[in-house]
Amino acid sequence: MPRLHCRGLLARSIGGAFFFLLFLLEFTSLRAAAQSPYVDNGDGTITDQGSGLMWEKLSDDGTVHDQDSTYSWEGAATDKIARLNNGSGFAGHKDWRLPSRNELKSIVDPRHQAPAVSPAFNAACTSGCTVTSCSCAVSGYYWSSSTDADNSKGAWFVDFKDGSVGSTTKWGLNYVRAVRGQG
């Protein structure tokens, strides 16, 4: 017979039958699986409830948020991040930036491959979808803000194909997912 993790208050046993005044079943594995640390804010962003970081969702619509757009490391800041922070800002915020290597690694989910990210970052992605109707992720290198300490011409990336981390030259073209919040 399977064992359930339960807590309860046993009132009494009458004729071999147990009666409970109060009981609470706790299916810990189901509960943990059902609770995601990520919240879709409905404005093209996802918030990580654990870290407080707000992430840009990516789309498949040819805009600045398009999943297929690639940038050099410098272009990520001078083009994409600059456009997100222009005017009234993306989703009402003007403090978007490249994530650190560790921040970017935090959205990797090793239970998934190609892309190896939490499902919140790869859901309902279809041609023409926008950041408010989908969340896209490409299996490939995503820039971090972290320069390689051993090579000033290199910067760290996270590979969303498998979640690995590496360094490559800053002039190479990689994907970008912006973040805001404590850094």
N, C-alpha and C. Protein backbone atom coordinates (compact mmCIF):
# COMPACT_ATOMS: atom_id res chain seq x y z
N MET A 1 0.85 -1.18 0.00
CA MET A 1 0.00 0.00 0.00
C MET A 1 0.90 1.24 0.00
N PRO A 2 0.63 2.21 -0.88
CA PRO A 2 1.47 3.40 -0.91
C PRO A 2 1.30 4.23 0.34
N ARG A 3 2.39 4.87 0.75
CA ARG A 3 2.34 5.71 1.94
C ARG A 3 2.15 7.15 1.51
N LEU A 4 1.20 7.82 2.16
CA LEU A 4 0.97 9.23 1.92
C LEU A 4 1.60 10.01 3.05
N HIS A 5 2.17 11.12 2.71
CA HIS A 5 2.70 12.01 3.73
C HIS A 5 1.53 12.83 4.24
N CYS A 6 1.12 12.58 5.46
CA CYS A 6 -0.02 13.32 5.98
C CYS A 6 0.22 13.72 7.42
N ARG A 7 -0.45 14.78 7.79
CA ARG A 7 -0.45 15.23 9.16
C ARG A 7 -1.89 15.27 9.60
N GLY A 8 -2.16 14.89 10.78
CA GLY A 8 -3.55 14.93 11.21
C GLY A 8 -3.65 14.87 12.72
N LEU A 9 -4.86 14.99 13.18
CA LEU A 9 -5.17 14.94 14.59
C LEU A 9 -6.09 13.76 14.77
N LEU A 10 -5.63 12.74 15.44
CA LEU A 10 -6.43 11.54 15.65
C LEU A 10 -7.30 11.75 16.86
N ALA A 11 -8.61 11.65 16.67
CA ALA A 11 -9.54 11.88 17.77
C ALA A 11 -9.66 10.63 18.62
N ARG A 12 -10.05 9.56 18.02
CA ARG A 12 -10.19 8.31 18.77
C ARG A 12 -10.42 7.16 17.80
N SER A 13 -10.27 5.99 18.30
CA SER A 13 -10.54 4.80 17.53
C SER A 13 -11.77 4.12 18.11
N ILE A 14 -12.76 3.88 17.28
CA ILE A 14 -13.97 3.20 17.73
C ILE A 14 -14.13 1.97 16.87
N GLY A 15 -14.08 0.81 17.52
CA GLY A 15 -14.26 -0.44 16.81
C GLY A 15 -13.29 -0.63 15.67
N GLY A 16 -12.09 -0.17 15.83
CA GLY A 16 -11.07 -0.35 14.80
C GLY A 16 -11.10 0.69 13.70
N ALA A 17 -12.12 1.53 13.64
CA ALA A 17 -12.20 2.59 12.63
C ALA A 17 -11.64 3.87 13.23
N PHE A 18 -10.81 4.54 12.47
CA PHE A 18 -10.22 5.77 12.95
C PHE A 18 -11.01 6.97 12.44
N PHE A 19 -11.24 7.90 13.30
CA PHE A 19 -11.93 9.13 12.94
C PHE A 19 -10.97 10.29 13.17
N PHE A 20 -10.94 11.16 12.27
CA PHE A 20 -10.06 12.31 12.36
C PHE A 20 -10.90 13.57 12.53
N LEU A 21 -10.53 14.39 13.48
CA LEU A 21 -11.19 15.67 13.63
C LEU A 21 -10.70 16.65 12.57
N LEU A 22 -9.43 16.58 12.34
CA LEU A 22 -8.81 17.48 11.37
C LEU A 22 -7.70 16.73 10.68
N PHE A 23 -7.65 16.86 9.39
CA PHE A 23 -6.53 16.24 8.69
C PHE A 23 -6.11 17.10 7.51
N LEU A 24 -4.88 16.95 7.17
CA LEU A 24 -4.33 17.68 6.05
C LEU A 24 -3.40 16.74 5.30
N LEU A 25 -3.75 16.48 4.07
CA LEU A 25 -2.85 15.67 3.24
C LEU A 25 -1.87 16.58 2.56
N GLU A 26 -0.66 16.15 2.55
CA GLU A 26 0.39 16.96 1.94
C GLU A 26 1.11 16.12 0.91
N PHE A 27 0.82 16.35 -0.34
CA PHE A 27 1.51 15.65 -1.42
C PHE A 27 2.68 16.53 -1.83
N THR A 28 3.77 16.39 -1.13
CA THR A 28 4.88 17.32 -1.32
C THR A 28 5.43 17.33 -2.74
N SER A 29 5.58 16.20 -3.37
CA SER A 29 6.16 16.21 -4.71
C SER A 29 5.21 16.84 -5.71
N LEU A 30 3.92 16.58 -5.60
CA LEU A 30 2.95 17.19 -6.50
C LEU A 30 2.87 18.69 -6.25
N ARG A 31 2.87 19.08 -5.01
CA ARG A 31 2.78 20.50 -4.68
C ARG A 31 3.99 21.27 -5.20
N ALA A 32 5.16 20.71 -5.01
CA ALA A 32 6.38 21.38 -5.47
C ALA A 32 6.39 21.50 -6.99
N ALA A 33 5.93 20.44 -7.67
CA ALA A 33 5.91 20.48 -9.14
C ALA A 33 4.90 21.48 -9.66
N ALA A 34 3.82 21.67 -8.94
CA ALA A 34 2.76 22.56 -9.40
C ALA A 34 3.09 24.03 -9.16
N GLN A 35 3.99 24.33 -8.25
CA GLN A 35 4.32 25.70 -7.93
C GLN A 35 5.56 26.14 -8.70
N SER A 36 5.39 27.12 -9.56
CA SER A 36 6.51 27.65 -10.32
C SER A 36 7.01 28.91 -9.63
N PRO A 37 8.32 29.11 -9.61
CA PRO A 37 8.84 30.34 -9.03
C PRO A 37 8.65 31.54 -9.96
N TYR A 38 8.11 31.30 -11.16
CA TYR A 38 7.99 32.36 -12.15
C TYR A 38 6.54 32.79 -12.34
N VAL A 39 6.34 34.10 -12.48
CA VAL A 39 5.01 34.66 -12.71
C VAL A 39 5.04 35.46 -14.01
N ASP A 40 4.13 35.13 -14.91
CA ASP A 40 3.97 35.92 -16.14
C ASP A 40 3.18 37.16 -15.77
N ASN A 41 3.78 38.32 -15.93
CA ASN A 41 3.15 39.57 -15.52
C ASN A 41 2.14 40.11 -16.52
N GLY A 42 2.00 39.46 -17.68
CA GLY A 42 1.02 39.87 -18.68
C GLY A 42 1.42 41.09 -19.49
N ASP A 43 2.64 41.59 -19.29
CA ASP A 43 3.10 42.78 -20.00
C ASP A 43 4.37 42.51 -20.80
N GLY A 44 4.64 41.23 -21.06
CA GLY A 44 5.85 40.87 -21.79
C GLY A 44 7.01 40.55 -20.88
N THR A 45 6.75 40.42 -19.59
CA THR A 45 7.81 40.12 -18.63
C THR A 45 7.42 38.94 -17.75
N ILE A 46 8.44 38.33 -17.17
CA ILE A 46 8.29 37.23 -16.21
C ILE A 46 9.08 37.60 -14.97
N THR A 47 8.47 37.46 -13.80
CA THR A 47 9.18 37.75 -12.55
C THR A 47 9.53 36.45 -11.84
N ASP A 48 10.78 36.35 -11.42
CA ASP A 48 11.26 35.26 -10.59
C ASP A 48 10.95 35.63 -9.15
N GLN A 49 9.99 34.93 -8.55
CA GLN A 49 9.56 35.26 -7.19
C GLN A 49 10.65 35.03 -6.15
N GLY A 50 11.58 34.15 -6.45
CA GLY A 50 12.67 33.88 -5.50
C GLY A 50 13.70 34.99 -5.46
N SER A 51 14.13 35.44 -6.64
CA SER A 51 15.20 36.44 -6.71
C SER A 51 14.67 37.86 -6.85
N GLY A 52 13.43 37.99 -7.30
CA GLY A 52 12.87 39.31 -7.55
C GLY A 52 13.25 39.87 -8.92
N LEU A 53 14.04 39.13 -9.69
CA LEU A 53 14.43 39.60 -11.02
C LEU A 53 13.24 39.57 -11.97
N MET A 54 13.15 40.56 -12.83
CA MET A 54 12.13 40.61 -13.87
C MET A 54 12.83 40.38 -15.21
N TRP A 55 12.34 39.38 -15.95
CA TRP A 55 12.94 38.98 -17.21
C TRP A 55 12.08 39.40 -18.39
N GLU A 56 12.74 39.77 -19.47
CA GLU A 56 12.06 40.04 -20.74
C GLU A 56 11.62 38.70 -21.33
N LYS A 57 10.38 38.65 -21.80
CA LYS A 57 9.94 37.50 -22.59
C LYS A 57 10.38 37.74 -24.03
N LEU A 58 10.64 36.68 -24.76
CA LEU A 58 11.00 36.79 -26.17
C LEU A 58 9.84 36.32 -27.02
N SER A 59 9.76 36.85 -28.25
CA SER A 59 8.64 36.60 -29.15
C SER A 59 9.15 36.00 -30.47
N ASP A 60 8.24 35.88 -31.42
CA ASP A 60 8.60 35.45 -32.77
C ASP A 60 7.88 36.36 -33.77
N ASP A 61 8.07 37.69 -33.58
CA ASP A 61 7.30 38.66 -34.36
C ASP A 61 8.13 39.73 -35.05
N GLY A 62 9.45 39.58 -35.09
CA GLY A 62 10.30 40.54 -35.78
C GLY A 62 10.57 41.84 -35.03
N THR A 63 10.12 41.95 -33.79
CA THR A 63 10.36 43.16 -32.99
C THR A 63 11.69 43.05 -32.26
N VAL A 64 11.99 44.03 -31.43
CA VAL A 64 13.22 44.01 -30.62
C VAL A 64 13.25 42.78 -29.71
N HIS A 65 12.10 42.19 -29.45
CA HIS A 65 12.01 41.02 -28.57
C HIS A 65 12.14 39.69 -29.31
N ASP A 66 12.33 39.73 -30.62
CA ASP A 66 12.31 38.50 -31.42
C ASP A 66 13.40 37.53 -30.98
N GLN A 67 13.00 36.28 -30.80
CA GLN A 67 13.91 35.23 -30.34
C GLN A 67 15.07 34.98 -31.28
N ASP A 68 14.93 35.29 -32.55
CA ASP A 68 15.97 34.99 -33.53
C ASP A 68 17.00 36.09 -33.70
N SER A 69 16.81 37.24 -33.04
CA SER A 69 17.76 38.35 -33.16
C SER A 69 19.04 38.04 -32.40
N THR A 70 20.16 38.31 -33.05
CA THR A 70 21.47 38.11 -32.41
C THR A 70 22.24 39.42 -32.43
N TYR A 71 23.16 39.54 -31.48
CA TYR A 71 23.92 40.78 -31.29
C TYR A 71 25.34 40.43 -30.89
N SER A 72 26.27 41.33 -31.22
CA SER A 72 27.59 41.23 -30.61
C SER A 72 27.41 41.61 -29.13
N TRP A 73 28.41 41.38 -28.32
CA TRP A 73 28.29 41.72 -26.90
C TRP A 73 28.06 43.22 -26.72
N GLU A 74 28.82 44.03 -27.45
CA GLU A 74 28.64 45.48 -27.36
C GLU A 74 27.29 45.89 -27.94
N GLY A 75 26.90 45.29 -29.06
CA GLY A 75 25.62 45.60 -29.68
C GLY A 75 24.43 45.24 -28.80
N ALA A 76 24.61 44.24 -27.96
CA ALA A 76 23.53 43.87 -27.03
C ALA A 76 23.17 45.07 -26.16
N ALA A 77 24.18 45.80 -25.72
CA ALA A 77 23.95 46.97 -24.86
C ALA A 77 23.58 48.21 -25.66
N THR A 78 24.31 48.46 -26.74
CA THR A 78 24.10 49.70 -27.48
C THR A 78 22.88 49.66 -28.40
N ASP A 79 22.42 48.47 -28.74
CA ASP A 79 21.25 48.34 -29.61
C ASP A 79 20.04 47.84 -28.82
N LYS A 80 20.05 46.58 -28.46
CA LYS A 80 18.85 46.00 -27.84
C LYS A 80 18.51 46.64 -26.50
N ILE A 81 19.44 46.65 -25.57
CA ILE A 81 19.16 47.19 -24.23
C ILE A 81 18.80 48.68 -24.34
N ALA A 82 19.49 49.40 -25.21
CA ALA A 82 19.18 50.82 -25.40
C ALA A 82 17.75 51.01 -25.90
N ARG A 83 17.30 50.15 -26.82
CA ARG A 83 15.92 50.26 -27.33
C ARG A 83 14.90 49.92 -26.25
N LEU A 84 15.21 48.96 -25.39
CA LEU A 84 14.28 48.61 -24.31
C LEU A 84 14.14 49.76 -23.31
N ASN A 85 15.20 50.52 -23.12
CA ASN A 85 15.20 51.61 -22.14
C ASN A 85 14.82 52.96 -22.75
N ASN A 86 14.55 53.00 -24.05
CA ASN A 86 14.20 54.24 -24.73
C ASN A 86 12.76 54.66 -24.42
N GLY A 87 12.49 55.95 -24.52
CA GLY A 87 11.14 56.47 -24.32
C GLY A 87 10.62 56.15 -22.93
N SER A 88 9.43 55.57 -22.87
CA SER A 88 8.86 55.23 -21.56
C SER A 88 9.38 53.89 -21.05
N GLY A 89 10.22 53.23 -21.84
CA GLY A 89 10.82 51.96 -21.42
C GLY A 89 9.92 50.78 -21.72
N PHE A 90 10.51 49.61 -21.76
CA PHE A 90 9.75 48.38 -21.99
C PHE A 90 9.01 48.00 -20.71
N ALA A 91 7.72 47.73 -20.85
CA ALA A 91 6.84 47.36 -19.73
C ALA A 91 6.89 48.42 -18.63
N GLY A 92 7.13 49.69 -19.03
CA GLY A 92 7.15 50.80 -18.09
C GLY A 92 8.42 50.94 -17.28
N HIS A 93 9.48 50.24 -17.68
CA HIS A 93 10.75 50.29 -16.94
C HIS A 93 11.88 50.70 -17.87
N LYS A 94 12.81 51.48 -17.33
CA LYS A 94 13.94 51.97 -18.12
C LYS A 94 15.29 51.54 -17.54
N ASP A 95 15.29 50.42 -16.83
CA ASP A 95 16.53 49.95 -16.21
C ASP A 95 16.88 48.53 -16.65
N TRP A 96 16.54 48.18 -17.89
CA TRP A 96 16.88 46.87 -18.43
C TRP A 96 18.38 46.78 -18.66
N ARG A 97 18.92 45.57 -18.53
CA ARG A 97 20.36 45.35 -18.66
C ARG A 97 20.61 43.91 -19.08
N LEU A 98 21.86 43.62 -19.42
CA LEU A 98 22.27 42.23 -19.64
C LEU A 98 22.37 41.55 -18.28
N PRO A 99 21.94 40.32 -18.16
CA PRO A 99 22.08 39.61 -16.89
C PRO A 99 23.51 39.14 -16.66
N SER A 100 23.88 38.98 -15.41
CA SER A 100 25.17 38.38 -15.09
C SER A 100 25.12 36.90 -15.49
N ARG A 101 26.27 36.30 -15.53
CA ARG A 101 26.34 34.87 -15.86
C ARG A 101 25.50 34.05 -14.89
N ASN A 102 25.58 34.34 -13.59
CA ASN A 102 24.82 33.58 -12.59
C ASN A 102 23.32 33.84 -12.69
N GLU A 103 22.94 35.08 -12.99
CA GLU A 103 21.51 35.37 -13.16
C GLU A 103 20.96 34.59 -14.35
N LEU A 104 21.68 34.59 -15.46
CA LEU A 104 21.23 33.88 -16.64
C LEU A 104 21.17 32.38 -16.40
N LYS A 105 22.14 31.87 -15.68
CA LYS A 105 22.16 30.44 -15.35
C LYS A 105 20.96 30.05 -14.47
N SER A 106 20.43 31.02 -13.71
CA SER A 106 19.34 30.71 -12.78
C SER A 106 18.03 30.33 -13.48
N ILE A 107 17.87 30.66 -14.76
CA ILE A 107 16.63 30.28 -15.45
C ILE A 107 16.78 28.97 -16.23
N VAL A 108 17.97 28.38 -16.18
CA VAL A 108 18.19 27.07 -16.79
C VAL A 108 17.47 26.02 -15.95
N ASP A 109 16.81 25.11 -16.63
CA ASP A 109 16.14 23.99 -15.98
C ASP A 109 16.69 22.70 -16.59
N PRO A 110 17.52 21.97 -15.84
CA PRO A 110 18.18 20.78 -16.39
C PRO A 110 17.22 19.65 -16.76
N ARG A 111 15.96 19.76 -16.36
CA ARG A 111 14.97 18.74 -16.74
C ARG A 111 14.55 18.90 -18.19
N HIS A 112 14.93 20.03 -18.81
CA HIS A 112 14.56 20.30 -20.19
C HIS A 112 15.83 20.47 -21.03
N GLN A 113 15.73 20.12 -22.29
CA GLN A 113 16.85 20.25 -23.21
C GLN A 113 16.36 20.92 -24.48
N ALA A 114 17.23 21.72 -25.06
CA ALA A 114 17.01 22.33 -26.38
C ALA A 114 15.64 22.98 -26.54
N PRO A 115 15.30 23.98 -25.80
CA PRO A 115 16.10 24.75 -24.86
C PRO A 115 16.00 24.23 -23.42
N ALA A 116 17.08 24.39 -22.71
CA ALA A 116 17.19 23.93 -21.32
C ALA A 116 16.79 25.04 -20.36
N VAL A 117 15.56 25.51 -20.49
CA VAL A 117 15.06 26.58 -19.63
C VAL A 117 13.74 26.17 -19.01
N SER A 118 13.38 26.87 -17.95
CA SER A 118 12.09 26.65 -17.33
C SER A 118 11.00 26.86 -18.37
N PRO A 119 9.92 26.08 -18.32
CA PRO A 119 8.84 26.23 -19.28
C PRO A 119 8.26 27.65 -19.35
N ALA A 120 8.38 28.43 -18.30
CA ALA A 120 7.89 29.81 -18.34
C ALA A 120 8.57 30.62 -19.42
N PHE A 121 9.78 30.22 -19.80
CA PHE A 121 10.56 30.95 -20.80
C PHE A 121 10.44 30.35 -22.19
N ASN A 122 9.63 29.32 -22.34
CA ASN A 122 9.46 28.68 -23.65
C ASN A 122 8.06 28.08 -23.72
N ALA A 123 7.06 28.94 -23.92
CA ALA A 123 5.67 28.48 -23.93
C ALA A 123 4.89 29.15 -25.06
N ALA A 124 4.13 28.36 -25.79
CA ALA A 124 3.22 28.84 -26.83
C ALA A 124 3.91 29.66 -27.90
N CYS A 125 5.14 29.32 -28.20
CA CYS A 125 5.91 30.07 -29.20
C CYS A 125 5.53 29.60 -30.60
N THR A 126 4.85 30.47 -31.33
CA THR A 126 4.45 30.18 -32.70
C THR A 126 4.78 31.40 -33.56
N SER A 127 4.87 31.20 -34.84
CA SER A 127 5.20 32.28 -35.76
C SER A 127 4.23 33.44 -35.58
N GLY A 128 4.79 34.64 -35.40
CA GLY A 128 3.98 35.84 -35.25
C GLY A 128 3.54 36.16 -33.83
N CYS A 129 3.83 35.29 -32.87
CA CYS A 129 3.38 35.56 -31.50
C CYS A 129 4.16 36.72 -30.89
N THR A 130 3.52 37.41 -29.96
CA THR A 130 4.13 38.58 -29.31
C THR A 130 4.49 38.24 -27.87
N VAL A 131 5.22 39.15 -27.22
CA VAL A 131 5.63 38.88 -25.84
C VAL A 131 4.46 38.78 -24.87
N THR A 132 3.29 39.28 -25.26
CA THR A 132 2.13 39.13 -24.37
C THR A 132 1.35 37.86 -24.65
N SER A 133 1.64 37.19 -25.78
CA SER A 133 0.91 35.96 -26.11
C SER A 133 1.77 34.70 -26.08
N CYS A 134 3.08 34.85 -25.93
CA CYS A 134 3.96 33.67 -25.91
C CYS A 134 5.24 34.00 -25.15
N SER A 135 6.07 33.00 -25.01
CA SER A 135 7.40 33.17 -24.43
C SER A 135 8.32 32.21 -25.17
N CYS A 136 9.29 32.74 -25.88
CA CYS A 136 10.13 31.93 -26.75
C CYS A 136 11.57 31.84 -26.24
N ALA A 137 12.23 30.76 -26.59
CA ALA A 137 13.65 30.58 -26.28
C ALA A 137 14.28 29.75 -27.38
N VAL A 138 15.42 30.18 -27.84
CA VAL A 138 16.18 29.46 -28.85
C VAL A 138 17.27 28.67 -28.15
N SER A 139 17.56 27.48 -28.65
CA SER A 139 18.69 26.71 -28.15
C SER A 139 19.95 27.31 -28.73
N GLY A 140 20.71 28.01 -27.91
CA GLY A 140 21.92 28.65 -28.39
C GLY A 140 22.54 29.48 -27.28
N TYR A 141 23.59 30.20 -27.65
CA TYR A 141 24.34 31.01 -26.68
C TYR A 141 23.60 32.32 -26.40
N TYR A 142 23.44 32.66 -25.12
CA TYR A 142 22.86 33.92 -24.66
C TYR A 142 23.93 34.70 -23.91
N TRP A 143 24.12 35.96 -24.30
CA TRP A 143 25.12 36.80 -23.66
C TRP A 143 24.80 37.07 -22.21
N SER A 144 25.85 37.12 -21.40
CA SER A 144 25.77 37.65 -20.04
C SER A 144 26.57 38.95 -20.02
N SER A 145 26.44 39.69 -18.94
CA SER A 145 27.20 40.94 -18.80
C SER A 145 28.62 40.67 -18.31
N SER A 146 28.92 39.43 -17.99
CA SER A 146 30.18 39.06 -17.36
C SER A 146 31.32 38.91 -18.35
N THR A 147 32.33 39.77 -18.23
CA THR A 147 33.54 39.67 -19.05
C THR A 147 34.40 38.53 -18.51
N ASP A 148 35.08 37.85 -19.40
CA ASP A 148 35.98 36.77 -19.03
C ASP A 148 37.24 37.38 -18.39
N ALA A 149 37.48 37.09 -17.13
CA ALA A 149 38.62 37.67 -16.41
C ALA A 149 39.95 37.24 -17.02
N ASP A 150 39.99 36.10 -17.69
CA ASP A 150 41.23 35.62 -18.31
C ASP A 150 41.42 36.14 -19.73
N ASN A 151 40.39 36.77 -20.28
CA ASN A 151 40.46 37.25 -21.66
C ASN A 151 39.51 38.44 -21.80
N SER A 152 40.05 39.64 -21.77
CA SER A 152 39.22 40.85 -21.81
C SER A 152 38.45 40.99 -23.13
N LYS A 153 38.84 40.23 -24.16
CA LYS A 153 38.12 40.26 -25.42
C LYS A 153 37.00 39.23 -25.46
N GLY A 154 36.81 38.55 -24.33
CA GLY A 154 35.77 37.52 -24.26
C GLY A 154 34.74 37.84 -23.19
N ALA A 155 33.56 37.27 -23.34
CA ALA A 155 32.50 37.41 -22.34
C ALA A 155 31.82 36.05 -22.17
N TRP A 156 31.19 35.88 -21.02
CA TRP A 156 30.54 34.63 -20.69
C TRP A 156 29.15 34.54 -21.33
N PHE A 157 28.78 33.34 -21.69
CA PHE A 157 27.45 33.06 -22.21
C PHE A 157 26.89 31.84 -21.48
N VAL A 158 25.59 31.66 -21.60
CA VAL A 158 24.93 30.43 -21.16
C VAL A 158 24.30 29.83 -22.40
N ASP A 159 24.59 28.56 -22.63
CA ASP A 159 24.05 27.85 -23.79
C ASP A 159 22.70 27.25 -23.41
N PHE A 160 21.63 27.76 -23.98
CA PHE A 160 20.30 27.26 -23.65
C PHE A 160 19.99 25.92 -24.32
N LYS A 161 20.93 25.39 -25.07
CA LYS A 161 20.72 24.04 -25.60
C LYS A 161 20.78 23.02 -24.47
N ASP A 162 21.79 23.19 -23.59
CA ASP A 162 21.98 22.21 -22.53
C ASP A 162 22.28 22.83 -21.16
N GLY A 163 22.32 24.16 -21.08
CA GLY A 163 22.57 24.83 -19.80
C GLY A 163 24.03 25.03 -19.47
N SER A 164 24.92 24.69 -20.40
CA SER A 164 26.35 24.85 -20.13
C SER A 164 26.75 26.33 -20.18
N VAL A 165 27.89 26.62 -19.60
CA VAL A 165 28.40 27.99 -19.53
C VAL A 165 29.77 28.01 -20.19
N GLY A 166 30.06 29.07 -20.93
CA GLY A 166 31.36 29.18 -21.57
C GLY A 166 31.67 30.63 -21.89
N SER A 167 32.81 30.83 -22.51
CA SER A 167 33.25 32.17 -22.90
C SER A 167 33.54 32.17 -24.40
N THR A 168 33.24 33.30 -25.02
CA THR A 168 33.51 33.45 -26.44
C THR A 168 33.88 34.91 -26.72
N THR A 169 34.39 35.18 -27.91
CA THR A 169 34.79 36.55 -28.25
C THR A 169 33.57 37.48 -28.28
N LYS A 170 33.78 38.71 -27.85
CA LYS A 170 32.69 39.69 -27.74
C LYS A 170 32.12 40.11 -29.09
N TRP A 171 32.85 39.89 -30.17
CA TRP A 171 32.32 40.30 -31.47
C TRP A 171 31.46 39.23 -32.12
N GLY A 172 31.41 38.04 -31.54
CA GLY A 172 30.53 37.00 -32.05
C GLY A 172 29.06 37.40 -31.86
N LEU A 173 28.17 36.75 -32.59
CA LEU A 173 26.74 37.06 -32.50
C LEU A 173 26.01 36.02 -31.66
N ASN A 174 25.36 36.48 -30.60
CA ASN A 174 24.61 35.60 -29.70
C ASN A 174 23.25 36.22 -29.38
N TYR A 175 22.41 35.43 -28.75
CA TYR A 175 21.07 35.87 -28.36
C TYR A 175 21.14 36.69 -27.09
N VAL A 176 20.06 37.44 -26.83
CA VAL A 176 20.00 38.30 -25.64
C VAL A 176 18.63 38.18 -25.00
N ARG A 177 18.61 38.00 -23.68
CA ARG A 177 17.38 38.09 -22.88
C ARG A 177 17.68 39.09 -21.76
N ALA A 178 16.98 40.21 -21.79
CA ALA A 178 17.24 41.29 -20.83
C ALA A 178 16.60 40.98 -19.47
N VAL A 179 17.15 41.65 -18.45
CA VAL A 179 16.67 41.48 -17.09
C VAL A 179 16.70 42.84 -16.39
N ARG A 180 15.96 42.96 -15.33
CA ARG A 180 16.04 44.15 -14.49
C ARG A 180 15.86 43.68 -13.04
N GLY A 181 16.35 44.51 -12.13
CA GLY A 181 16.29 44.16 -10.72
C GLY A 181 17.68 44.17 -10.14
N GLN A 182 17.79 43.72 -8.89
CA GLN A 182 19.10 43.75 -8.22
C GLN A 182 20.13 43.03 -9.07
N GLY A 183 21.32 43.58 -9.11
CA GLY A 183 22.34 43.02 -9.98
C GLY A 183 23.61 42.85 -9.37
